[in-house]
N, C-alpha and C. Protein backbone atom coordinates (compact mmCIF):
# COMPACT_ATOMS: atom_id res chain seq x y z
N UNK A 1 -101.70 -94.19 86.96
CA UNK A 1 -101.94 -92.97 86.23
C UNK A 1 -101.31 -93.03 85.16
N UNK A 2 -100.95 -93.46 84.19
CA UNK A 2 -100.37 -93.29 83.17
C UNK A 2 -99.13 -91.97 83.14
N UNK A 3 -98.05 -92.23 82.30
CA UNK A 3 -97.28 -91.04 82.69
C UNK A 3 -96.77 -91.05 81.08
N UNK A 4 -95.78 -90.11 80.53
CA UNK A 4 -95.75 -89.78 79.60
C UNK A 4 -95.03 -90.44 78.46
N UNK A 5 -94.32 -91.35 78.74
CA UNK A 5 -93.73 -92.45 78.52
C UNK A 5 -94.37 -93.80 78.29
N UNK A 6 -95.19 -93.67 79.21
CA UNK A 6 -96.20 -95.30 78.51
C UNK A 6 -97.33 -94.51 77.38
N UNK A 7 -98.20 -93.22 77.52
CA UNK A 7 -98.47 -92.72 76.58
C UNK A 7 -98.05 -92.84 75.03
N UNK A 8 -97.15 -92.36 75.39
CA UNK A 8 -95.94 -92.19 73.91
C UNK A 8 -95.72 -93.76 73.78
N UNK A 9 -95.23 -94.58 74.40
CA UNK A 9 -94.72 -95.91 74.07
C UNK A 9 -96.68 -96.71 72.99
N UNK A 10 -97.67 -96.66 73.57
CA UNK A 10 -98.88 -96.87 73.47
C UNK A 10 -99.38 -96.06 72.09
N UNK A 11 -98.78 -94.84 72.29
CA UNK A 11 -99.03 -93.98 70.72
C UNK A 11 -98.53 -94.82 69.95
N UNK A 12 -97.14 -94.44 69.66
CA UNK A 12 -96.56 -95.42 68.68
C UNK A 12 -96.80 -97.00 68.94
N UNK A 13 -97.70 -97.35 68.85
CA UNK A 13 -97.92 -99.09 69.00
C UNK A 13 -98.78 -98.94 68.14
N UNK A 14 -99.88 -98.18 67.68
CA UNK A 14 -100.87 -97.74 66.72
C UNK A 14 -100.71 -97.95 65.38
N UNK A 15 -101.05 -98.74 64.35
CA UNK A 15 -101.39 -98.28 63.38
C UNK A 15 -101.00 -96.58 62.56
N UNK A 16 -100.34 -97.15 61.90
CA UNK A 16 -99.71 -95.31 61.07
C UNK A 16 -101.42 -94.42 61.42
N UNK A 17 -102.33 -94.81 60.28
CA UNK A 17 -103.04 -94.19 60.63
C UNK A 17 -103.60 -93.80 61.44
N UNK A 18 -104.07 -94.12 62.74
CA UNK A 18 -104.01 -94.07 63.53
C UNK A 18 -103.38 -93.10 64.95
N UNK A 19 -102.43 -93.04 64.28
CA UNK A 19 -100.82 -92.01 64.59
C UNK A 19 -101.38 -90.84 64.29
N UNK A 20 -101.84 -90.71 62.80
CA UNK A 20 -102.55 -89.10 62.16
C UNK A 20 -103.08 -88.84 62.67
N UNK A 21 -104.08 -89.63 63.10
CA UNK A 21 -105.23 -89.08 63.50
C UNK A 21 -105.11 -88.47 64.94
N UNK A 22 -104.52 -89.68 65.85
CA UNK A 22 -103.98 -88.77 67.18
C UNK A 22 -102.72 -87.91 67.09
N UNK A 23 -102.21 -87.55 66.23
CA UNK A 23 -101.59 -86.31 66.19
C UNK A 23 -102.12 -85.23 65.88
N UNK A 24 -103.42 -84.73 64.86
CA UNK A 24 -103.60 -84.01 64.32
C UNK A 24 -104.53 -84.17 65.37
N UNK A 25 -105.51 -84.61 66.63
CA UNK A 25 -106.34 -83.75 67.49
C UNK A 25 -105.57 -83.61 68.66
N UNK A 26 -104.12 -84.15 69.02
CA UNK A 26 -103.33 -83.08 69.23
C UNK A 26 -102.52 -81.39 69.30
N UNK A 27 -102.72 -81.64 68.09
CA UNK A 27 -102.11 -80.56 67.60
C UNK A 27 -103.28 -79.50 67.50
N UNK A 28 -104.85 -80.30 66.96
CA UNK A 28 -105.96 -79.45 67.38
C UNK A 28 -105.98 -79.09 68.23
N UNK A 29 -105.64 -79.45 69.69
CA UNK A 29 -106.40 -79.17 71.08
C UNK A 29 -105.51 -78.13 71.71
N UNK A 30 -104.10 -77.57 70.84
CA UNK A 30 -103.19 -76.35 70.97
C UNK A 30 -103.71 -75.24 69.95
N UNK A 31 -104.33 -75.36 69.34
CA UNK A 31 -104.82 -74.01 68.91
C UNK A 31 -105.12 -72.75 69.32
N UNK A 32 -105.52 -73.05 70.87
CA UNK A 32 -106.45 -71.98 71.20
C UNK A 32 -104.47 -70.99 71.92
N UNK A 33 -103.34 -71.98 71.85
CA UNK A 33 -102.14 -71.48 72.27
C UNK A 33 -101.63 -69.97 71.00
N UNK A 34 -102.05 -70.16 69.56
CA UNK A 34 -101.96 -69.45 68.88
C UNK A 34 -102.16 -68.57 69.12
N UNK A 35 -101.16 -67.44 68.49
CA UNK A 35 -101.03 -66.12 68.05
C UNK A 35 -101.96 -65.78 66.94
N UNK A 36 -103.14 -65.17 66.60
CA UNK A 36 -103.21 -64.74 64.82
C UNK A 36 -102.35 -64.50 64.72
N UNK A 37 -101.77 -63.36 65.04
CA UNK A 37 -101.48 -62.66 64.44
C UNK A 37 -99.57 -63.26 63.71
N UNK A 38 -98.62 -64.18 64.99
CA UNK A 38 -97.90 -64.85 64.46
C UNK A 38 -98.21 -66.16 63.49
N UNK A 39 -99.69 -66.72 63.37
CA UNK A 39 -100.02 -67.68 62.28
C UNK A 39 -99.71 -67.22 61.17
N UNK A 40 -100.32 -65.30 60.99
CA UNK A 40 -100.58 -65.24 59.71
C UNK A 40 -99.54 -65.03 59.04
N UNK A 41 -98.59 -64.66 60.15
CA UNK A 41 -97.30 -64.13 59.48
C UNK A 41 -96.38 -65.69 58.40
N UNK A 42 -96.91 -66.55 59.77
CA UNK A 42 -96.39 -67.91 59.07
C UNK A 42 -97.13 -68.24 57.56
N UNK A 43 -98.12 -67.86 57.61
CA UNK A 43 -98.57 -68.69 56.15
C UNK A 43 -98.30 -67.43 55.36
N UNK A 44 -97.98 -66.28 55.40
CA UNK A 44 -97.56 -65.61 53.99
C UNK A 44 -96.23 -65.84 53.67
N UNK A 45 -95.70 -65.87 55.10
CA UNK A 45 -94.30 -66.71 54.99
C UNK A 45 -93.71 -68.17 53.85
N UNK A 46 -94.87 -68.74 53.92
CA UNK A 46 -94.51 -69.95 53.24
C UNK A 46 -95.59 -69.85 51.96
N UNK A 47 -96.71 -68.81 51.84
CA UNK A 47 -97.22 -69.05 50.72
C UNK A 47 -95.74 -68.03 49.88
N UNK A 48 -94.96 -67.29 50.46
CA UNK A 48 -93.92 -66.42 49.42
C UNK A 48 -93.02 -67.18 49.46
N UNK A 49 -92.08 -68.29 50.14
CA UNK A 49 -91.49 -68.80 49.68
C UNK A 49 -91.61 -70.43 48.70
N UNK A 50 -93.37 -70.89 48.71
CA UNK A 50 -93.93 -71.43 47.65
C UNK A 50 -93.76 -70.84 46.29
N UNK A 51 -94.24 -69.61 46.18
CA UNK A 51 -94.34 -68.85 44.83
C UNK A 51 -92.52 -68.28 44.45
N UNK A 52 -91.74 -68.12 45.03
CA UNK A 52 -90.46 -68.39 44.86
C UNK A 52 -89.94 -69.53 44.03
N UNK A 53 -90.30 -70.93 44.78
CA UNK A 53 -90.34 -72.23 44.06
C UNK A 53 -90.77 -72.18 42.88
N UNK A 54 -91.67 -72.17 43.32
CA UNK A 54 -92.88 -72.06 41.49
C UNK A 54 -92.61 -71.26 40.51
N UNK A 55 -92.00 -70.34 40.92
CA UNK A 55 -91.34 -69.02 40.28
C UNK A 55 -90.11 -69.21 39.51
N UNK A 56 -89.27 -70.45 40.02
CA UNK A 56 -88.09 -71.30 39.76
C UNK A 56 -86.94 -69.32 40.40
N UNK A 57 -87.40 -69.34 41.39
CA UNK A 57 -86.52 -68.21 41.70
C UNK A 57 -85.26 -68.39 43.03
N UNK A 58 -85.79 -69.86 43.73
CA UNK A 58 -84.59 -70.46 44.02
C UNK A 58 -85.18 -72.09 44.30
N UNK A 59 -84.13 -72.70 44.22
CA UNK A 59 -83.96 -74.39 43.81
C UNK A 59 -84.12 -74.43 45.12
N UNK A 60 -84.45 -75.88 45.07
CA UNK A 60 -84.68 -76.93 47.05
C UNK A 60 -83.56 -77.70 46.21
N UNK A 61 -83.39 -78.23 47.88
CA UNK A 61 -82.05 -79.13 48.16
C UNK A 61 -82.36 -79.76 48.94
N UNK A 62 -82.04 -81.68 48.64
CA UNK A 62 -82.61 -82.35 49.48
C UNK A 62 -82.24 -82.29 50.93
N UNK A 63 -82.67 -82.56 52.06
CA UNK A 63 -81.66 -82.80 53.54
C UNK A 63 -80.44 -83.07 53.94
N UNK A 64 -80.53 -84.28 52.88
CA UNK A 64 -79.16 -84.99 53.00
C UNK A 64 -78.56 -84.00 52.49
N UNK A 65 -77.97 -83.30 51.11
CA UNK A 65 -77.60 -82.21 50.80
C UNK A 65 -77.16 -81.36 51.77
N UNK A 66 -78.07 -80.98 52.55
CA UNK A 66 -77.74 -79.94 53.97
C UNK A 66 -77.34 -80.11 54.47
N UNK A 67 -77.51 -81.11 55.35
CA UNK A 67 -77.10 -81.97 56.36
C UNK A 67 -75.23 -81.98 56.05
N UNK A 68 -75.25 -82.70 55.18
CA UNK A 68 -74.25 -82.85 54.30
C UNK A 68 -73.48 -81.78 54.08
N UNK A 69 -73.44 -80.74 54.01
CA UNK A 69 -72.88 -79.13 54.01
C UNK A 69 -72.46 -78.72 55.79
N UNK A 70 -73.33 -78.75 56.48
CA UNK A 70 -73.85 -77.98 57.56
C UNK A 70 -72.63 -78.69 58.23
N UNK A 71 -73.16 -80.28 57.69
CA UNK A 71 -71.63 -81.12 58.95
C UNK A 71 -70.11 -80.84 58.76
N UNK A 72 -70.65 -80.49 56.81
CA UNK A 72 -68.89 -80.33 56.42
C UNK A 72 -68.38 -78.50 57.43
N UNK A 73 -69.53 -77.67 57.10
CA UNK A 73 -68.87 -76.79 57.86
C UNK A 73 -68.79 -76.51 59.28
N UNK A 74 -69.13 -76.85 59.83
CA UNK A 74 -69.07 -77.35 61.34
C UNK A 74 -67.17 -78.82 61.37
N UNK A 75 -67.04 -78.94 61.02
CA UNK A 75 -66.09 -79.66 60.66
C UNK A 75 -65.53 -81.08 61.08
N UNK A 76 -67.49 -81.28 61.01
CA UNK A 76 -67.44 -83.10 61.29
C UNK A 76 -67.59 -83.95 60.35
């Protein structure tokens, strides 16, 4: 019987296209665990945030810049 480590190692050795398909299949298999109300709330929130970006109400920042500021705030 394969362990999670074995399966992970094998999955990561696949070509990127196959890993994408595998990831989608794994994600789809968990769909029944998702609460429909929570899922809708997240979709509404993502739509709201996207509108704010499109309307110029917020300015996106790179992940690198955000991490630099976070490290600085934490004294690192």
